[in-house]
Amino acid sequence: MKLSEIKNILKELKTIAFQLPNGELVPNHFHVTEVGKITKHFIDCGGTVRKEEVVNFQLWNANDYDHRLHPEKLVHIISLSEKTLGIEDLEIEVEYQAETIGKFGLDFDGKNFLLTTKQTDCLAKDNCGIPTEKPKLQFSEIQTGNTCEPGSGCC
């Protein structure tokens, strides 16, 4: 989800809720402790220099059980961050503390903001010799027989 999308959604909401990938809701007394721009400048395993930028929201639970972040307050925090930090309309990444700090993508199901799982990936598969698809084998290519001997291809 891009920053412009969350701002449009927040304008229509009365309350904010974030749902973890396992279906649990982030406790409703969470704080958004940071809104920022993260720049990752790196070289992949194929030698290509890359640069990625995301808007980062950090969610945090405190012992402040009376605290509720209202949509208009989050819109204000986002606007202030855009002006002060020069944040563009980038994809949002959300940090949330579980056993360790987790990084999530963000989506919306019409009611809750969904923290979506993210995966690592090789960005230079063509240079690493990693096939993009699993090779497909035909059953006729597999050797069969009554015995399975090392090197026979049956196991």
N, C-alpha and C. Protein backbone atom coordinates (compact mmCIF):
# COMPACT_ATOMS: atom_id res chain seq x y z
N MET A 1 0.85 -1.17 0.00
CA MET A 1 0.00 0.00 0.00
C MET A 1 0.90 1.23 0.00
N LYS A 2 0.52 2.20 -0.81
CA LYS A 2 1.26 3.46 -0.87
C LYS A 2 0.73 4.46 0.16
N LEU A 3 1.53 5.45 0.43
CA LEU A 3 1.19 6.46 1.43
C LEU A 3 -0.11 7.19 1.06
N SER A 4 -0.30 7.50 -0.20
CA SER A 4 -1.53 8.19 -0.63
C SER A 4 -2.77 7.34 -0.36
N GLU A 5 -2.63 6.02 -0.49
CA GLU A 5 -3.77 5.13 -0.26
C GLU A 5 -4.19 5.13 1.21
N ILE A 6 -3.22 5.04 2.13
CA ILE A 6 -3.59 5.01 3.55
C ILE A 6 -4.21 6.34 3.97
N LYS A 7 -3.71 7.44 3.42
CA LYS A 7 -4.28 8.74 3.77
C LYS A 7 -5.75 8.82 3.32
N ASN A 8 -6.05 8.32 2.13
CA ASN A 8 -7.43 8.32 1.65
C ASN A 8 -8.32 7.42 2.50
N ILE A 9 -7.82 6.27 2.88
CA ILE A 9 -8.59 5.34 3.72
C ILE A 9 -8.84 5.94 5.10
N LEU A 10 -7.81 6.54 5.69
CA LEU A 10 -7.93 7.12 7.04
C LEU A 10 -9.00 8.21 7.09
N LYS A 11 -9.17 8.94 6.01
CA LYS A 11 -10.18 10.01 5.97
C LYS A 11 -11.60 9.47 6.12
N GLU A 12 -11.80 8.18 5.82
CA GLU A 12 -13.12 7.57 5.87
C GLU A 12 -13.37 6.77 7.15
N LEU A 13 -12.34 6.57 7.96
CA LEU A 13 -12.46 5.71 9.15
C LEU A 13 -12.76 6.49 10.41
N LYS A 14 -13.44 5.82 11.34
CA LYS A 14 -13.68 6.37 12.68
C LYS A 14 -12.66 5.82 13.69
N THR A 15 -12.18 4.58 13.44
CA THR A 15 -11.17 3.96 14.30
C THR A 15 -10.13 3.26 13.42
N ILE A 16 -8.98 2.98 14.03
CA ILE A 16 -7.89 2.30 13.31
C ILE A 16 -7.62 0.97 13.98
N ALA A 17 -7.51 -0.08 13.18
CA ALA A 17 -7.13 -1.39 13.70
C ALA A 17 -6.14 -2.04 12.74
N PHE A 18 -5.12 -2.67 13.30
CA PHE A 18 -4.13 -3.40 12.52
C PHE A 18 -4.25 -4.87 12.87
N GLN A 19 -4.28 -5.71 11.85
CA GLN A 19 -4.41 -7.16 12.04
C GLN A 19 -3.13 -7.85 11.60
N LEU A 20 -2.61 -8.71 12.46
CA LEU A 20 -1.41 -9.48 12.16
C LEU A 20 -1.73 -10.62 11.18
N PRO A 21 -0.72 -11.15 10.50
CA PRO A 21 -0.97 -12.24 9.55
C PRO A 21 -1.66 -13.46 10.16
N ASN A 22 -1.49 -13.70 11.47
CA ASN A 22 -2.13 -14.84 12.12
C ASN A 22 -3.58 -14.56 12.51
N GLY A 23 -4.09 -13.37 12.17
CA GLY A 23 -5.48 -13.02 12.45
C GLY A 23 -5.68 -12.22 13.73
N GLU A 24 -4.68 -12.20 14.61
CA GLU A 24 -4.80 -11.43 15.85
C GLU A 24 -4.72 -9.94 15.55
N LEU A 25 -5.43 -9.15 16.35
CA LEU A 25 -5.36 -7.71 16.21
C LEU A 25 -4.26 -7.15 17.10
N VAL A 26 -3.57 -6.14 16.60
CA VAL A 26 -2.63 -5.39 17.43
C VAL A 26 -3.49 -4.73 18.51
N PRO A 27 -3.09 -4.78 19.77
CA PRO A 27 -3.91 -4.16 20.82
C PRO A 27 -4.26 -2.71 20.45
N ASN A 28 -5.51 -2.32 20.72
CA ASN A 28 -5.99 -1.03 20.24
C ASN A 28 -5.40 0.17 20.97
N HIS A 29 -4.54 -0.06 21.94
CA HIS A 29 -3.86 1.05 22.60
C HIS A 29 -2.44 1.24 22.04
N PHE A 30 -2.20 0.77 20.80
CA PHE A 30 -0.90 0.92 20.17
C PHE A 30 -0.59 2.40 19.89
N HIS A 31 0.69 2.67 19.74
CA HIS A 31 1.15 3.99 19.32
C HIS A 31 1.84 3.83 17.96
N VAL A 32 1.77 4.82 17.11
CA VAL A 32 2.65 4.90 15.95
C VAL A 32 3.80 5.79 16.41
N THR A 33 4.92 5.15 16.76
CA THR A 33 6.03 5.89 17.38
C THR A 33 6.94 6.53 16.35
N GLU A 34 6.88 6.06 15.10
CA GLU A 34 7.72 6.64 14.05
C GLU A 34 6.99 6.58 12.73
N VAL A 35 7.15 7.62 11.94
CA VAL A 35 6.82 7.60 10.51
C VAL A 35 8.06 8.19 9.85
N GLY A 36 8.66 7.45 8.96
CA GLY A 36 9.90 7.92 8.34
C GLY A 36 10.12 7.32 6.98
N LYS A 37 11.20 7.73 6.37
CA LYS A 37 11.60 7.17 5.07
C LYS A 37 12.87 6.37 5.30
N ILE A 38 12.86 5.14 4.85
CA ILE A 38 14.03 4.27 4.95
C ILE A 38 14.59 4.08 3.55
N THR A 39 15.88 4.34 3.42
CA THR A 39 16.57 4.14 2.15
C THR A 39 17.55 2.99 2.33
N LYS A 40 17.43 2.02 1.46
CA LYS A 40 18.35 0.87 1.48
C LYS A 40 19.16 0.93 0.19
N HIS A 41 20.46 1.17 0.31
CA HIS A 41 21.37 1.25 -0.83
C HIS A 41 22.29 0.05 -0.71
N PHE A 42 22.24 -0.86 -1.69
CA PHE A 42 22.94 -2.12 -1.52
C PHE A 42 23.38 -2.68 -2.87
N ILE A 43 24.18 -3.72 -2.80
CA ILE A 43 24.60 -4.44 -3.99
C ILE A 43 24.10 -5.87 -3.85
N ASP A 44 23.48 -6.40 -4.89
CA ASP A 44 22.97 -7.76 -4.80
C ASP A 44 24.07 -8.76 -5.13
N CYS A 45 23.77 -10.04 -5.00
CA CYS A 45 24.78 -11.08 -5.20
C CYS A 45 25.23 -11.20 -6.64
N GLY A 46 24.53 -10.54 -7.57
CA GLY A 46 24.95 -10.52 -8.97
C GLY A 46 25.78 -9.31 -9.31
N GLY A 47 26.03 -8.42 -8.31
CA GLY A 47 26.87 -7.26 -8.53
C GLY A 47 26.12 -6.00 -8.95
N THR A 48 24.78 -6.04 -8.96
CA THR A 48 23.99 -4.87 -9.33
C THR A 48 23.76 -4.00 -8.11
N VAL A 49 24.06 -2.70 -8.27
CA VAL A 49 23.81 -1.75 -7.20
C VAL A 49 22.34 -1.36 -7.26
N ARG A 50 21.69 -1.38 -6.12
CA ARG A 50 20.25 -1.10 -6.05
C ARG A 50 19.97 -0.10 -4.93
N LYS A 51 18.84 0.56 -5.06
CA LYS A 51 18.39 1.50 -4.03
C LYS A 51 16.88 1.33 -3.90
N GLU A 52 16.44 1.09 -2.68
CA GLU A 52 15.01 0.96 -2.39
C GLU A 52 14.64 1.97 -1.32
N GLU A 53 13.45 2.54 -1.44
CA GLU A 53 12.95 3.46 -0.44
C GLU A 53 11.54 3.07 -0.06
N VAL A 54 11.24 3.11 1.22
CA VAL A 54 9.90 2.84 1.72
C VAL A 54 9.57 3.84 2.82
N VAL A 55 8.29 4.05 3.03
CA VAL A 55 7.82 4.79 4.18
C VAL A 55 7.68 3.76 5.30
N ASN A 56 8.18 4.09 6.46
CA ASN A 56 8.17 3.16 7.58
C ASN A 56 7.27 3.67 8.70
N PHE A 57 6.35 2.81 9.13
CA PHE A 57 5.53 3.08 10.32
C PHE A 57 6.00 2.10 11.38
N GLN A 58 6.23 2.59 12.58
CA GLN A 58 6.58 1.70 13.68
C GLN A 58 5.42 1.69 14.66
N LEU A 59 4.85 0.51 14.89
CA LEU A 59 3.78 0.33 15.86
C LEU A 59 4.39 -0.17 17.17
N TRP A 60 3.87 0.34 18.29
CA TRP A 60 4.40 -0.03 19.59
C TRP A 60 3.28 -0.06 20.61
N ASN A 61 3.33 -1.04 21.48
CA ASN A 61 2.36 -1.13 22.57
C ASN A 61 3.00 -0.59 23.84
N ALA A 62 2.25 0.20 24.54
CA ALA A 62 2.72 0.76 25.81
C ALA A 62 1.75 0.32 26.90
N ASN A 63 2.03 0.73 28.10
CA ASN A 63 1.12 0.46 29.21
C ASN A 63 0.03 1.50 29.31
N ASP A 64 -0.09 2.33 28.31
CA ASP A 64 -1.08 3.41 28.25
C ASP A 64 -2.37 2.83 27.65
N TYR A 65 -3.14 2.13 28.47
CA TYR A 65 -4.33 1.44 27.98
C TYR A 65 -5.46 2.38 27.60
N ASP A 66 -5.38 3.64 28.03
CA ASP A 66 -6.41 4.61 27.68
C ASP A 66 -6.14 5.29 26.35
N HIS A 67 -4.97 5.05 25.78
CA HIS A 67 -4.58 5.71 24.53
C HIS A 67 -5.24 5.04 23.33
N ARG A 68 -5.81 5.82 22.47
CA ARG A 68 -6.34 5.32 21.20
C ARG A 68 -5.92 6.31 20.12
N LEU A 69 -5.24 5.82 19.11
CA LEU A 69 -4.84 6.67 18.01
C LEU A 69 -6.02 6.82 17.05
N HIS A 70 -6.45 8.03 16.85
CA HIS A 70 -7.58 8.29 15.95
C HIS A 70 -7.07 8.56 14.54
N PRO A 71 -7.87 8.23 13.54
CA PRO A 71 -7.44 8.40 12.14
C PRO A 71 -6.94 9.80 11.82
N GLU A 72 -7.63 10.84 12.30
CA GLU A 72 -7.20 12.20 11.98
C GLU A 72 -5.83 12.53 12.58
N LYS A 73 -5.50 11.93 13.71
CA LYS A 73 -4.19 12.14 14.34
C LYS A 73 -3.10 11.49 13.49
N LEU A 74 -3.36 10.28 12.98
CA LEU A 74 -2.37 9.62 12.13
C LEU A 74 -2.20 10.38 10.82
N VAL A 75 -3.27 10.91 10.26
CA VAL A 75 -3.16 11.73 9.04
C VAL A 75 -2.26 12.94 9.33
N HIS A 76 -2.44 13.56 10.50
CA HIS A 76 -1.60 14.70 10.88
C HIS A 76 -0.13 14.29 10.99
N ILE A 77 0.14 13.15 11.62
CA ILE A 77 1.52 12.67 11.76
C ILE A 77 2.13 12.41 10.39
N ILE A 78 1.36 11.79 9.49
CA ILE A 78 1.85 11.52 8.13
C ILE A 78 2.15 12.82 7.40
N SER A 79 1.24 13.79 7.47
CA SER A 79 1.43 15.08 6.79
C SER A 79 2.68 15.79 7.30
N LEU A 80 2.86 15.79 8.61
CA LEU A 80 4.04 16.41 9.20
C LEU A 80 5.32 15.72 8.72
N SER A 81 5.29 14.40 8.65
CA SER A 81 6.45 13.62 8.18
C SER A 81 6.75 13.92 6.71
N GLU A 82 5.70 14.02 5.89
CA GLU A 82 5.90 14.33 4.47
C GLU A 82 6.59 15.68 4.30
N LYS A 83 6.11 16.69 5.03
CA LYS A 83 6.68 18.04 4.91
C LYS A 83 8.09 18.11 5.48
N THR A 84 8.28 17.55 6.65
CA THR A 84 9.56 17.68 7.35
C THR A 84 10.66 16.82 6.72
N LEU A 85 10.30 15.62 6.30
CA LEU A 85 11.30 14.67 5.79
C LEU A 85 11.32 14.58 4.26
N GLY A 86 10.40 15.25 3.59
CA GLY A 86 10.35 15.18 2.13
C GLY A 86 9.95 13.81 1.63
N ILE A 87 9.03 13.17 2.31
CA ILE A 87 8.60 11.82 1.95
C ILE A 87 7.67 11.88 0.74
N GLU A 88 7.97 11.04 -0.25
CA GLU A 88 7.13 10.94 -1.44
C GLU A 88 6.07 9.84 -1.23
N ASP A 89 5.31 9.59 -2.27
CA ASP A 89 4.26 8.57 -2.25
C ASP A 89 4.88 7.19 -2.47
N LEU A 90 5.44 6.63 -1.40
CA LEU A 90 6.15 5.36 -1.46
C LEU A 90 5.32 4.24 -0.83
N GLU A 91 5.76 3.01 -1.07
CA GLU A 91 5.15 1.86 -0.40
C GLU A 91 5.41 1.96 1.10
N ILE A 92 4.47 1.43 1.89
CA ILE A 92 4.59 1.46 3.34
C ILE A 92 5.07 0.11 3.85
N GLU A 93 6.01 0.18 4.77
CA GLU A 93 6.48 -0.99 5.50
C GLU A 93 6.19 -0.71 6.98
N VAL A 94 5.66 -1.71 7.67
CA VAL A 94 5.31 -1.53 9.07
C VAL A 94 6.21 -2.40 9.93
N GLU A 95 6.78 -1.79 10.98
CA GLU A 95 7.54 -2.54 11.98
C GLU A 95 6.65 -2.76 13.18
N TYR A 96 6.70 -3.99 13.71
CA TYR A 96 5.91 -4.30 14.90
C TYR A 96 6.70 -5.27 15.75
N GLN A 97 6.71 -5.05 17.05
CA GLN A 97 7.48 -5.87 17.98
C GLN A 97 6.71 -7.14 18.33
N ALA A 98 7.30 -8.27 18.02
CA ALA A 98 6.81 -9.57 18.48
C ALA A 98 7.97 -10.19 19.26
N GLU A 99 8.41 -11.39 18.89
CA GLU A 99 9.60 -11.96 19.52
C GLU A 99 10.82 -11.11 19.17
N THR A 100 10.80 -10.55 17.97
CA THR A 100 11.80 -9.60 17.50
C THR A 100 11.06 -8.59 16.65
N ILE A 101 11.74 -7.60 16.15
CA ILE A 101 11.05 -6.63 15.30
C ILE A 101 10.69 -7.30 13.98
N GLY A 102 9.41 -7.28 13.66
CA GLY A 102 8.95 -7.84 12.40
C GLY A 102 8.70 -6.73 11.40
N LYS A 103 8.96 -7.01 10.13
CA LYS A 103 8.67 -6.06 9.05
C LYS A 103 7.54 -6.63 8.22
N PHE A 104 6.54 -5.80 7.97
CA PHE A 104 5.35 -6.25 7.26
C PHE A 104 5.01 -5.28 6.15
N GLY A 105 4.34 -5.82 5.13
CA GLY A 105 3.70 -4.98 4.14
C GLY A 105 2.36 -4.53 4.72
N LEU A 106 1.62 -3.73 3.97
CA LEU A 106 0.35 -3.21 4.48
C LEU A 106 -0.72 -3.31 3.41
N ASP A 107 -1.90 -3.76 3.83
CA ASP A 107 -3.07 -3.86 2.95
C ASP A 107 -4.29 -3.44 3.77
N PHE A 108 -5.45 -3.41 3.16
CA PHE A 108 -6.67 -3.02 3.86
C PHE A 108 -7.79 -3.90 3.36
N ASP A 109 -8.60 -4.44 4.28
CA ASP A 109 -9.70 -5.34 3.90
C ASP A 109 -11.08 -4.68 3.98
N GLY A 110 -11.11 -3.35 4.10
CA GLY A 110 -12.38 -2.65 4.23
C GLY A 110 -12.72 -2.32 5.66
N LYS A 111 -12.06 -2.99 6.60
CA LYS A 111 -12.29 -2.75 8.03
C LYS A 111 -10.98 -2.53 8.77
N ASN A 112 -10.03 -3.46 8.56
CA ASN A 112 -8.75 -3.43 9.27
C ASN A 112 -7.59 -3.23 8.29
N PHE A 113 -6.53 -2.61 8.79
CA PHE A 113 -5.28 -2.61 8.05
C PHE A 113 -4.62 -3.96 8.31
N LEU A 114 -4.20 -4.62 7.26
CA LEU A 114 -3.62 -5.95 7.37
C LEU A 114 -2.11 -5.87 7.27
N LEU A 115 -1.43 -6.40 8.28
CA LEU A 115 0.02 -6.51 8.22
C LEU A 115 0.31 -7.79 7.45
N THR A 116 0.92 -7.65 6.28
CA THR A 116 1.14 -8.78 5.39
C THR A 116 2.59 -9.25 5.50
N THR A 117 2.79 -10.53 5.33
CA THR A 117 4.13 -11.10 5.44
C THR A 117 5.00 -10.65 4.28
N LYS A 118 6.27 -10.54 4.57
CA LYS A 118 7.27 -10.20 3.55
C LYS A 118 8.25 -11.36 3.48
N GLN A 119 8.86 -11.54 2.34
CA GLN A 119 9.81 -12.63 2.14
C GLN A 119 11.13 -12.08 1.61
N THR A 120 12.21 -12.76 1.95
CA THR A 120 13.49 -12.43 1.33
C THR A 120 13.50 -13.05 -0.06
N ASP A 121 14.37 -12.57 -0.91
CA ASP A 121 14.44 -13.09 -2.27
C ASP A 121 15.82 -12.79 -2.84
N CYS A 122 16.23 -13.57 -3.79
CA CYS A 122 17.45 -13.31 -4.55
C CYS A 122 17.05 -12.43 -5.73
N LEU A 123 17.67 -11.28 -5.85
CA LEU A 123 17.33 -10.35 -6.92
C LEU A 123 18.16 -10.59 -8.17
N ALA A 124 19.09 -11.52 -8.12
CA ALA A 124 19.98 -11.78 -9.26
C ALA A 124 19.96 -13.26 -9.63
N LYS A 125 18.78 -13.85 -9.67
CA LYS A 125 18.68 -15.29 -9.96
C LYS A 125 19.36 -15.67 -11.27
N ASP A 126 19.27 -14.78 -12.26
CA ASP A 126 19.88 -15.08 -13.55
C ASP A 126 21.40 -15.16 -13.46
N ASN A 127 22.01 -14.46 -12.50
CA ASN A 127 23.46 -14.50 -12.32
C ASN A 127 23.91 -15.60 -11.36
N CYS A 128 23.01 -16.13 -10.59
CA CYS A 128 23.36 -17.13 -9.59
C CYS A 128 23.12 -18.57 -10.07
N GLY A 129 22.47 -18.72 -11.20
CA GLY A 129 22.16 -20.06 -11.69
C GLY A 129 20.95 -20.67 -11.01
N ILE A 130 20.13 -19.85 -10.36
CA ILE A 130 18.94 -20.36 -9.70
C ILE A 130 17.81 -20.39 -10.72
N PRO A 131 17.21 -21.55 -10.95
CA PRO A 131 16.10 -21.59 -11.91
C PRO A 131 14.91 -20.79 -11.40
N THR A 132 14.22 -20.12 -12.33
CA THR A 132 13.05 -19.35 -11.94
C THR A 132 11.87 -20.26 -11.66
N GLU A 133 11.85 -21.45 -12.24
CA GLU A 133 10.79 -22.43 -11.98
C GLU A 133 11.43 -23.77 -11.66
N LYS A 134 10.70 -24.61 -10.96
CA LYS A 134 11.16 -25.96 -10.74
C LYS A 134 11.13 -26.68 -12.08
N PRO A 135 12.16 -27.46 -12.38
CA PRO A 135 12.13 -28.20 -13.64
C PRO A 135 11.00 -29.23 -13.61
N LYS A 136 10.34 -29.36 -14.74
CA LYS A 136 9.23 -30.32 -14.85
C LYS A 136 9.77 -31.61 -15.45
N LEU A 137 9.46 -32.71 -14.78
CA LEU A 137 9.89 -34.02 -15.25
C LEU A 137 8.68 -34.79 -15.76
N GLN A 138 8.92 -35.57 -16.78
CA GLN A 138 7.89 -36.48 -17.28
C GLN A 138 8.10 -37.83 -16.60
N PHE A 139 6.99 -38.50 -16.28
CA PHE A 139 7.11 -39.82 -15.65
C PHE A 139 7.90 -40.77 -16.54
N SER A 140 7.83 -40.59 -17.85
CA SER A 140 8.55 -41.47 -18.76
C SER A 140 10.06 -41.30 -18.65
N GLU A 141 10.51 -40.17 -18.09
CA GLU A 141 11.94 -39.92 -17.93
C GLU A 141 12.50 -40.60 -16.68
N ILE A 142 11.62 -41.02 -15.78
CA ILE A 142 12.06 -41.63 -14.53
C ILE A 142 12.25 -43.12 -14.77
N GLN A 143 13.43 -43.61 -14.40
CA GLN A 143 13.71 -45.03 -14.59
C GLN A 143 12.94 -45.84 -13.56
N THR A 144 12.40 -46.93 -14.01
CA THR A 144 11.70 -47.82 -13.09
C THR A 144 12.29 -49.21 -13.19
N GLY A 145 12.02 -49.99 -12.22
CA GLY A 145 12.53 -51.36 -12.20
C GLY A 145 12.14 -52.00 -10.88
N ASN A 146 12.51 -53.25 -10.75
CA ASN A 146 12.17 -53.96 -9.53
C ASN A 146 13.09 -53.62 -8.38
N THR A 147 14.27 -53.13 -8.69
CA THR A 147 15.23 -52.82 -7.62
C THR A 147 15.61 -51.35 -7.71
N CYS A 148 16.01 -50.81 -6.60
CA CYS A 148 16.45 -49.43 -6.55
C CYS A 148 17.92 -49.45 -6.13
N GLU A 149 18.79 -49.24 -7.09
CA GLU A 149 20.21 -49.26 -6.81
C GLU A 149 20.74 -47.83 -6.86
N PRO A 150 21.78 -47.55 -6.07
CA PRO A 150 22.37 -46.21 -6.11
C PRO A 150 22.74 -45.83 -7.55
N GLY A 151 22.37 -44.62 -7.94
CA GLY A 151 22.67 -44.13 -9.27
C GLY A 151 21.70 -44.57 -10.34
N SER A 152 20.68 -45.38 -9.98
CA SER A 152 19.74 -45.88 -10.99
C SER A 152 18.68 -44.84 -11.35
N GLY A 153 18.51 -43.81 -10.51
CA GLY A 153 17.53 -42.78 -10.81
C GLY A 153 16.13 -43.09 -10.29
N CYS A 154 15.97 -44.19 -9.59
CA CYS A 154 14.63 -44.54 -9.11
C CYS A 154 14.30 -43.95 -7.76
N CYS A 155 15.30 -43.45 -7.05
CA CYS A 155 15.02 -42.87 -5.73
C CYS A 155 15.82 -41.64 -5.49
